[in-house]
Amino acid sequence: MNKKIKLFLVRHGETYLNKYNKLQGWTDSPLTENGKRIVTKTGKRLKNVPFHYIYTSDLERTVETAKLILEQNRNNKNRNIHKNNNLREVFFGSFEGEYIDDFYKKVLQHSGCNNTTALYKNHSLEEVMNFIKKIDPFSHAENYPEFWKRIEIGLNEIVSQCCNNENILLVTHGVVIKTIINEFSKKGNIEQEIKNSSISILEYSNNTFSVVSING
């Protein structure tokens, strides 16, 4: 049987480290009050969607976001949340918690670009992630192959657990969502940032995903 699934990808709400403009990969922080308010609006937009499964990463900011979304849903208030550590954000290694501007100064110096616009215009997300791995003094930051390998495992786990014609909510992270979209988009790499609390939709059919919408 050709299994069909609709996957709703939601980035977690604004956190305090987002507000302070600091890198937040495996480092976690709670949602701000404004973040909670906007997530609640996202939940209201999804209130009529009957989700058969709800997945998050294992980081609390995604779990907190999922709970707020489900509070608004007419069908899913008692649904279990399935945490999957394969779907957590990329690890920035020793750069975790740094101010983003300071971090990008190091990346730009390595790449030879003058600003982040030029960086992402001249280099793919894959190349940038590989740069970060190279300049991490401890070499702990994930490069693209390491990152995508676990994301792919996480997606395959979701597909294997779901049945035909089911709606899946996956609350995860900006780089995770952007990477998934880049991998399955026919238009190639997207340049826009994935916004907090935004909704992107993919459909699974014929053993692969296709991108329906981004950053809604």
C-alpha atoms as a PDB file:
ATOM      1  CA  MET A   1       0.000   0.000   0.000  1.00  0.00           C
ATOM      2  CA  ASN A   2       1.163   3.517  -0.808  1.00  0.00           C
ATOM      3  CA  LYS A   3       1.100   5.164   2.612  1.00  0.00           C
ATOM      4  CA  LYS A   4       0.122   8.839   2.670  1.00  0.00           C
ATOM      5  CA  ILE A   5       0.879  11.111   5.633  1.00  0.00           C
ATOM      6  CA  LYS A   6       0.535  14.842   6.219  1.00  0.00           C
ATOM      7  CA  LEU A   7       3.334  16.236   8.385  1.00  0.00           C
ATOM      8  CA  PHE A   8       2.882  19.580  10.143  1.00  0.00           C
ATOM      9  CA  LEU A   9       6.301  20.959  11.114  1.00  0.00           C
ATOM     10  CA  VAL A  10       6.140  23.659  13.788  1.00  0.00           C
ATOM     11  CA  ARG A  11       9.160  25.468  15.134  1.00  0.00           C
ATOM     12  CA  HIS A  12       9.078  25.976  18.913  1.00  0.00           C
ATOM     13  CA  GLY A  13       8.023  29.337  20.293  1.00  0.00           C
ATOM     14  CA  GLU A  14      10.399  32.147  21.148  1.00  0.00           C
ATOM     15  CA  THR A  15      12.688  31.269  24.070  1.00  0.00           C
ATOM     16  CA  TYR A  16      14.756  33.485  26.330  1.00  0.00           C
ATOM     17  CA  LEU A  17      17.956  32.588  24.473  1.00  0.00           C
ATOM     18  CA  ASN A  18      16.207  33.484  21.197  1.00  0.00           C
ATOM     19  CA  LYS A  19      15.273  36.835  22.739  1.00  0.00           C
ATOM     20  CA  TYR A  20      18.845  37.411  23.927  1.00  0.00           C
ATOM     21  CA  ASN A  21      20.144  36.571  20.424  1.00  0.00           C
ATOM     22  CA  LYS A  22      22.245  33.646  21.641  1.00  0.00           C
ATOM     23  CA  LEU A  23      22.997  30.325  19.955  1.00  0.00           C
ATOM     24  CA  GLN A  24      20.676  27.593  21.132  1.00  0.00           C
ATOM     25  CA  GLY A  25      21.249  24.115  19.813  1.00  0.00           C
ATOM     26  CA  TRP A  26      21.319  21.414  22.473  1.00  0.00           C
ATOM     27  CA  THR A  27      21.277  24.168  25.106  1.00  0.00           C
ATOM     28  CA  ASP A  28      17.703  24.659  26.291  1.00  0.00           C
ATOM     29  CA  SER A  29      15.694  27.578  27.686  1.00  0.00           C
ATOM     30  CA  PRO A  30      11.985  28.121  28.420  1.00  0.00           C
ATOM     31  CA  LEU A  31       9.538  30.027  26.258  1.00  0.00           C
ATOM     32  CA  THR A  32       9.100  33.733  26.872  1.00  0.00           C
ATOM     33  CA  GLU A  33       5.630  35.044  27.677  1.00  0.00           C
ATOM     34  CA  ASN A  34       5.458  36.495  24.183  1.00  0.00           C
ATOM     35  CA  GLY A  35       6.561  33.140  22.817  1.00  0.00           C
ATOM     36  CA  LYS A  36       3.720  31.410  24.656  1.00  0.00           C
ATOM     37  CA  ARG A  37       1.216  33.943  23.346  1.00  0.00           C
ATOM     38  CA  ILE A  38       2.221  33.421  19.714  1.00  0.00           C
ATOM     39  CA  VAL A  39       2.300  29.628  20.109  1.00  0.00           C
ATOM     40  CA  THR A  40      -1.256  29.804  21.419  1.00  0.00           C
ATOM     41  CA  LYS A  41      -2.223  31.652  18.219  1.00  0.00           C
ATOM     42  CA  THR A  42      -0.573  28.884  16.197  1.00  0.00           C
ATOM     43  CA  GLY A  43      -2.573  26.345  18.194  1.00  0.00           C
ATOM     44  CA  LYS A  44      -5.795  28.166  17.342  1.00  0.00           C
ATOM     45  CA  ARG A  45      -4.889  28.023  13.644  1.00  0.00           C
ATOM     46  CA  LEU A  46      -4.498  24.252  13.965  1.00  0.00           C
ATOM     47  CA  LYS A  47      -7.454  23.692  16.293  1.00  0.00           C
ATOM     48  CA  ASN A  48      -9.536  21.770  13.744  1.00  0.00           C
ATOM     49  CA  VAL A  49      -6.748  19.443  12.557  1.00  0.00           C
ATOM     50  CA  PRO A  50      -7.166  15.927  14.026  1.00  0.00           C
ATOM     51  CA  PHE A  51      -3.588  14.916  14.829  1.00  0.00           C
ATOM     52  CA  HIS A  52      -3.084  11.164  15.088  1.00  0.00           C
ATOM     53  CA  TYR A  53       0.437  11.435  16.537  1.00  0.00           C
ATOM     54  CA  ILE A  54       2.365  14.257  18.192  1.00  0.00           C
ATOM     55  CA  TYR A  55       6.150  14.256  18.129  1.00  0.00           C
ATOM     56  CA  THR A  56       8.725  16.635  19.588  1.00  0.00           C
ATOM     57  CA  SER A  57      12.456  16.619  20.112  1.00  0.00           C
ATOM     58  CA  ASP A  58      13.646  15.731  23.606  1.00  0.00           C
ATOM     59  CA  LEU A  59      14.324  19.404  24.418  1.00  0.00           C
ATOM     60  CA  GLU A  60      11.803  21.045  26.724  1.00  0.00           C
ATOM     61  CA  ARG A  61      11.147  24.086  24.526  1.00  0.00           C
ATOM     62  CA  THR A  62       9.526  21.847  21.905  1.00  0.00           C
ATOM     63  CA  VAL A  63       7.514  19.906  24.499  1.00  0.00           C
ATOM     64  CA  GLU A  64       6.262  23.150  26.062  1.00  0.00           C
ATOM     65  CA  THR A  65       5.246  24.386  22.590  1.00  0.00           C
ATOM     66  CA  ALA A  66       3.422  21.143  21.748  1.00  0.00           C
ATOM     67  CA  LYS A  67       1.437  21.260  24.998  1.00  0.00           C
ATOM     68  CA  LEU A  68       0.284  24.812  24.292  1.00  0.00           C
ATOM     69  CA  ILE A  69      -0.780  23.854  20.766  1.00  0.00           C
ATOM     70  CA  LEU A  70      -2.734  20.839  22.015  1.00  0.00           C
ATOM     71  CA  GLU A  71      -4.551  22.967  24.593  1.00  0.00           C
ATOM     72  CA  GLN A  72      -6.236  24.726  21.662  1.00  0.00           C
ATOM     73  CA  ASN A  73      -7.018  21.582  19.673  1.00  0.00           C
ATOM     74  CA  ARG A  74     -10.553  20.241  19.644  1.00  0.00           C
ATOM     75  CA  ASN A  75      -9.456  16.658  19.011  1.00  0.00           C
ATOM     76  CA  ASN A  76      -6.164  16.087  20.797  1.00  0.00           C
ATOM     77  CA  LYS A  77      -6.118  17.346  24.374  1.00  0.00           C
ATOM     78  CA  ASN A  78      -5.357  13.870  25.709  1.00  0.00           C
ATOM     79  CA  ARG A  79      -2.916  12.744  23.021  1.00  0.00           C
ATOM     80  CA  ASN A  80       0.496  11.501  24.146  1.00  0.00           C
ATOM     81  CA  ILE A  81       3.593  13.438  23.152  1.00  0.00           C
ATOM     82  CA  HIS A  82       6.369  11.259  21.731  1.00  0.00           C
ATOM     83  CA  LYS A  83       9.856  12.684  22.351  1.00  0.00           C
ATOM     84  CA  ASN A  84      12.559  11.779  19.855  1.00  0.00           C
ATOM     85  CA  ASN A  85      16.151  12.825  20.516  1.00  0.00           C
ATOM     86  CA  ASN A  86      17.031  12.281  16.851  1.00  0.00           C
ATOM     87  CA  LEU A  87      14.916  15.342  16.070  1.00  0.00           C
ATOM     88  CA  ARG A  88      16.649  17.767  18.432  1.00  0.00           C
ATOM     89  CA  GLU A  89      18.410  20.868  17.123  1.00  0.00           C
ATOM     90  CA  VAL A  90      21.886  20.808  15.581  1.00  0.00           C
ATOM     91  CA  PHE A  91      24.719  20.834  18.144  1.00  0.00           C
ATOM     92  CA  PHE A  92      26.935  23.927  17.945  1.00  0.00           C
ATOM     93  CA  GLY A  93      29.639  22.383  20.127  1.00  0.00           C
ATOM     94  CA  SER A  94      31.748  24.878  22.066  1.00  0.00           C
ATOM     95  CA  PHE A  95      29.817  27.757  20.476  1.00  0.00           C
ATOM     96  CA  GLU A  96      26.619  26.872  22.363  1.00  0.00           C
ATOM     97  CA  GLY A  97      25.262  29.913  24.225  1.00  0.00           C
ATOM     98  CA  GLU A  98      27.445  32.468  22.399  1.00  0.00           C
ATOM     99  CA  TYR A  99      25.978  35.675  21.081  1.00  0.00           C
ATOM    100  CA  ILE A 100      25.005  34.981  17.479  1.00  0.00           C
ATOM    101  CA  ASP A 101      26.824  38.059  16.154  1.00  0.00           C
ATOM    102  CA  ASP A 102      30.095  36.974  17.780  1.00  0.00           C
ATOM    103  CA  PHE A 103      29.642  33.451  16.464  1.00  0.00           C
ATOM    104  CA  TYR A 104      29.071  34.602  12.887  1.00  0.00           C
ATOM    105  CA  LYS A 105      32.197  36.765  12.961  1.00  0.00           C
ATOM    106  CA  LYS A 106      34.186  33.533  13.326  1.00  0.00           C
ATOM    107  CA  VAL A 107      32.232  31.745  10.603  1.00  0.00           C
ATOM    108  CA  LEU A 108      32.596  34.681   8.197  1.00  0.00           C
ATOM    109  CA  GLN A 109      36.318  34.876   8.807  1.00  0.00           C
ATOM    110  CA  HIS A 110      36.666  31.213   7.878  1.00  0.00           C
ATOM    111  CA  SER A 111      34.396  31.442   4.839  1.00  0.00           C
ATOM    112  CA  GLY A 112      35.903  34.628   3.392  1.00  0.00           C
ATOM    113  CA  CYS A 113      32.471  36.310   3.204  1.00  0.00           C
ATOM    114  CA  ASN A 114      31.785  39.846   4.420  1.00  0.00           C
ATOM    115  CA  ASN A 115      28.319  39.270   5.878  1.00  0.00           C
ATOM    116  CA  THR A 116      25.743  36.563   6.519  1.00  0.00           C
ATOM    117  CA  THR A 117      23.783  37.466   3.382  1.00  0.00           C
ATOM    118  CA  ALA A 118      26.833  36.718   1.261  1.00  0.00           C
ATOM    119  CA  LEU A 119      27.560  33.618   3.336  1.00  0.00           C
ATOM    120  CA  TYR A 120      24.228  31.959   2.605  1.00  0.00           C
ATOM    121  CA  LYS A 121      24.176  33.231  -0.975  1.00  0.00           C
ATOM    122  CA  ASN A 122      27.542  31.696  -1.794  1.00  0.00           C
ATOM    123  CA  HIS A 123      27.377  28.618   0.448  1.00  0.00           C
ATOM    124  CA  SER A 124      24.740  25.995   1.102  1.00  0.00           C
ATOM    125  CA  LEU A 125      23.497  25.199   4.591  1.00  0.00           C
ATOM    126  CA  GLU A 126      25.497  21.982   4.326  1.00  0.00           C
ATOM    127  CA  GLU A 127      28.718  23.904   3.660  1.00  0.00           C
ATOM    128  CA  VAL A 128      28.083  26.339   6.511  1.00  0.00           C
ATOM    129  CA  MET A 129      27.499  23.498   8.973  1.00  0.00           C
ATOM    130  CA  ASN A 130      30.727  21.882   7.840  1.00  0.00           C
ATOM    131  CA  PHE A 131      32.528  25.223   8.388  1.00  0.00           C
ATOM    132  CA  ILE A 132      31.246  25.302  11.971  1.00  0.00           C
ATOM    133  CA  LYS A 133      32.573  21.807  12.648  1.00  0.00           C
ATOM    134  CA  LYS A 134      36.003  22.819  11.337  1.00  0.00           C
ATOM    135  CA  ILE A 135      36.323  25.985  13.423  1.00  0.00           C
ATOM    136  CA  ASP A 136      35.034  24.471  16.679  1.00  0.00           C
ATOM    137  CA  PRO A 137      38.206  24.141  18.816  1.00  0.00           C
ATOM    138  CA  PHE A 138      36.859  20.886  20.278  1.00  0.00           C
ATOM    139  CA  SER A 139      35.401  19.633  16.975  1.00  0.00           C
ATOM    140  CA  HIS A 140      32.211  18.761  18.832  1.00  0.00           C
ATOM    141  CA  ALA A 141      29.830  20.725  16.592  1.00  0.00           C
ATOM    142  CA  GLU A 142      27.826  18.537  14.240  1.00  0.00           C
ATOM    143  CA  ASN A 143      28.645  18.677  10.557  1.00  0.00           C
ATOM    144  CA  TYR A 144      25.975  18.129   7.936  1.00  0.00           C
ATOM    145  CA  PRO A 145      26.399  14.355   7.427  1.00  0.00           C
ATOM    146  CA  GLU A 146      26.241  13.738  11.189  1.00  0.00           C
ATOM    147  CA  PHE A 147      23.194  15.971  11.570  1.00  0.00           C
ATOM    148  CA  TRP A 148      21.218  14.672   8.603  1.00  0.00           C
ATOM    149  CA  LYS A 149      21.885  11.041   9.510  1.00  0.00           C
ATOM    150  CA  ARG A 150      20.009  11.344  12.789  1.00  0.00           C
ATOM    151  CA  ILE A 151      17.246  13.535  11.329  1.00  0.00           C
ATOM    152  CA  GLU A 152      16.630  10.912   8.662  1.00  0.00           C
ATOM    153  CA  ILE A 153      16.453   8.207  11.342  1.00  0.00           C
ATOM    154  CA  GLY A 154      13.891  10.290  13.234  1.00  0.00           C
ATOM    155  CA  LEU A 155      11.726  10.816  10.154  1.00  0.00           C
ATOM    156  CA  ASN A 156      11.869   7.132   9.275  1.00  0.00           C
ATOM    157  CA  GLU A 157      10.740   6.263  12.790  1.00  0.00           C
ATOM    158  CA  ILE A 158       7.729   8.542  12.402  1.00  0.00           C
ATOM    159  CA  VAL A 159       6.787   7.076   9.028  1.00  0.00           C
ATOM    160  CA  SER A 160       7.113   3.504  10.278  1.00  0.00           C
ATOM    161  CA  GLN A 161       4.830   4.177  13.269  1.00  0.00           C
ATOM    162  CA  CYS A 162       2.072   5.924  11.321  1.00  0.00           C
ATOM    163  CA  CYS A 163      -0.774   4.569   9.217  1.00  0.00           C
ATOM    164  CA  ASN A 164      -2.291   5.722   5.953  1.00  0.00           C
ATOM    165  CA  ASN A 165      -4.016   9.126   5.773  1.00  0.00           C
ATOM    166  CA  GLU A 166      -2.865  10.351   9.186  1.00  0.00           C
ATOM    167  CA  ASN A 167      -1.969  13.874  10.288  1.00  0.00           C
ATOM    168  CA  ILE A 168       1.266  14.197  12.244  1.00  0.00           C
ATOM    169  CA  LEU A 169       2.366  17.161  14.358  1.00  0.00           C
ATOM    170  CA  LEU A 170       6.126  17.493  14.743  1.00  0.00           C
ATOM    171  CA  VAL A 171       7.321  20.346  16.958  1.00  0.00           C
ATOM    172  CA  THR A 172      11.035  20.776  16.448  1.00  0.00           C
ATOM    173  CA  HIS A 173      13.721  23.375  15.673  1.00  0.00           C
ATOM    174  CA  GLY A 174      14.651  25.928  13.034  1.00  0.00           C
ATOM    175  CA  VAL A 175      17.689  24.228  11.541  1.00  0.00           C
ATOM    176  CA  VAL A 176      15.941  20.847  11.676  1.00  0.00           C
ATOM    177  CA  ILE A 177      12.957  22.164   9.719  1.00  0.00           C
ATOM    178  CA  LYS A 178      15.104  24.062   7.233  1.00  0.00           C
ATOM    179  CA  THR A 179      17.239  20.985   6.604  1.00  0.00           C
ATOM    180  CA  ILE A 180      14.209  18.741   6.093  1.00  0.00           C
ATOM    181  CA  ILE A 181      12.715  21.233   3.636  1.00  0.00           C
ATOM    182  CA  ASN A 182      16.008  21.592   1.762  1.00  0.00           C
ATOM    183  CA  GLU A 183      16.319  17.834   1.422  1.00  0.00           C
ATOM    184  CA  PHE A 184      12.839  17.393  -0.056  1.00  0.00           C
ATOM    185  CA  SER A 185      12.237  20.664  -1.869  1.00  0.00           C
ATOM    186  CA  LYS A 186      12.444  20.592  -5.661  1.00  0.00           C
ATOM    187  CA  LYS A 187      13.484  24.251  -5.596  1.00  0.00           C
ATOM    188  CA  GLY A 188      16.754  23.559  -3.810  1.00  0.00           C
ATOM    189  CA  ASN A 189      17.966  25.277  -0.659  1.00  0.00           C
ATOM    190  CA  ILE A 190      15.624  27.855   0.872  1.00  0.00           C
ATOM    191  CA  GLU A 191      17.178  31.083   2.118  1.00  0.00           C
ATOM    192  CA  GLN A 192      14.548  32.354   4.544  1.00  0.00           C
ATOM    193  CA  GLU A 193      14.818  31.757   8.267  1.00  0.00           C
ATOM    194  CA  ILE A 194      12.252  29.424   9.815  1.00  0.00           C
ATOM    195  CA  LYS A 195      10.269  31.621  12.182  1.00  0.00           C
ATOM    196  CA  ASN A 196       9.343  30.755  15.758  1.00  0.00           C
ATOM    197  CA  SER A 197       5.866  29.162  15.939  1.00  0.00           C
ATOM    198  CA  SER A 198       5.609  28.960  12.134  1.00  0.00           C
ATOM    199  CA  ILE A 199       3.933  26.051  10.357  1.00  0.00           C
ATOM    200  CA  SER A 200       5.484  24.235   7.395  1.00  0.00           C
ATOM    201  CA  ILE A 201       3.654  21.334   5.786  1.00  0.00           C
ATOM    202  CA  LEU A 202       5.001  18.261   4.017  1.00  0.00           C
ATOM    203  CA  GLU A 203       3.193  15.326   2.476  1.00  0.00           C
ATOM    204  CA  TYR A 204       4.559  11.791   2.447  1.00  0.00           C
ATOM    205  CA  SER A 205       3.640   9.615  -0.545  1.00  0.00           C
ATOM    206  CA  ASN A 206       5.412   7.151  -2.829  1.00  0.00           C
ATOM    207  CA  ASN A 207       8.052   6.611  -0.112  1.00  0.00           C
ATOM    208  CA  THR A 208       9.204  10.226   0.000  1.00  0.00           C
ATOM    209  CA  PHE A 209       8.236  13.654   1.288  1.00  0.00           C
ATOM    210  CA  SER A 210       7.222  16.672  -0.776  1.00  0.00           C
ATOM    211  CA  VAL A 211       7.009  20.260   0.462  1.00  0.00           C
ATOM    212  CA  VAL A 212       3.539  21.825   0.482  1.00  0.00           C
ATOM    213  CA  SER A 213       4.174  25.110   2.304  1.00  0.00           C
ATOM    214  CA  ILE A 214       6.894  26.894   4.285  1.00  0.00           C
ATOM    215  CA  ASN A 215       6.774  29.318   7.221  1.00  0.00           C
ATOM    216  CA  GLY A 216       3.005  29.656   7.280  1.00  0.00           C
END
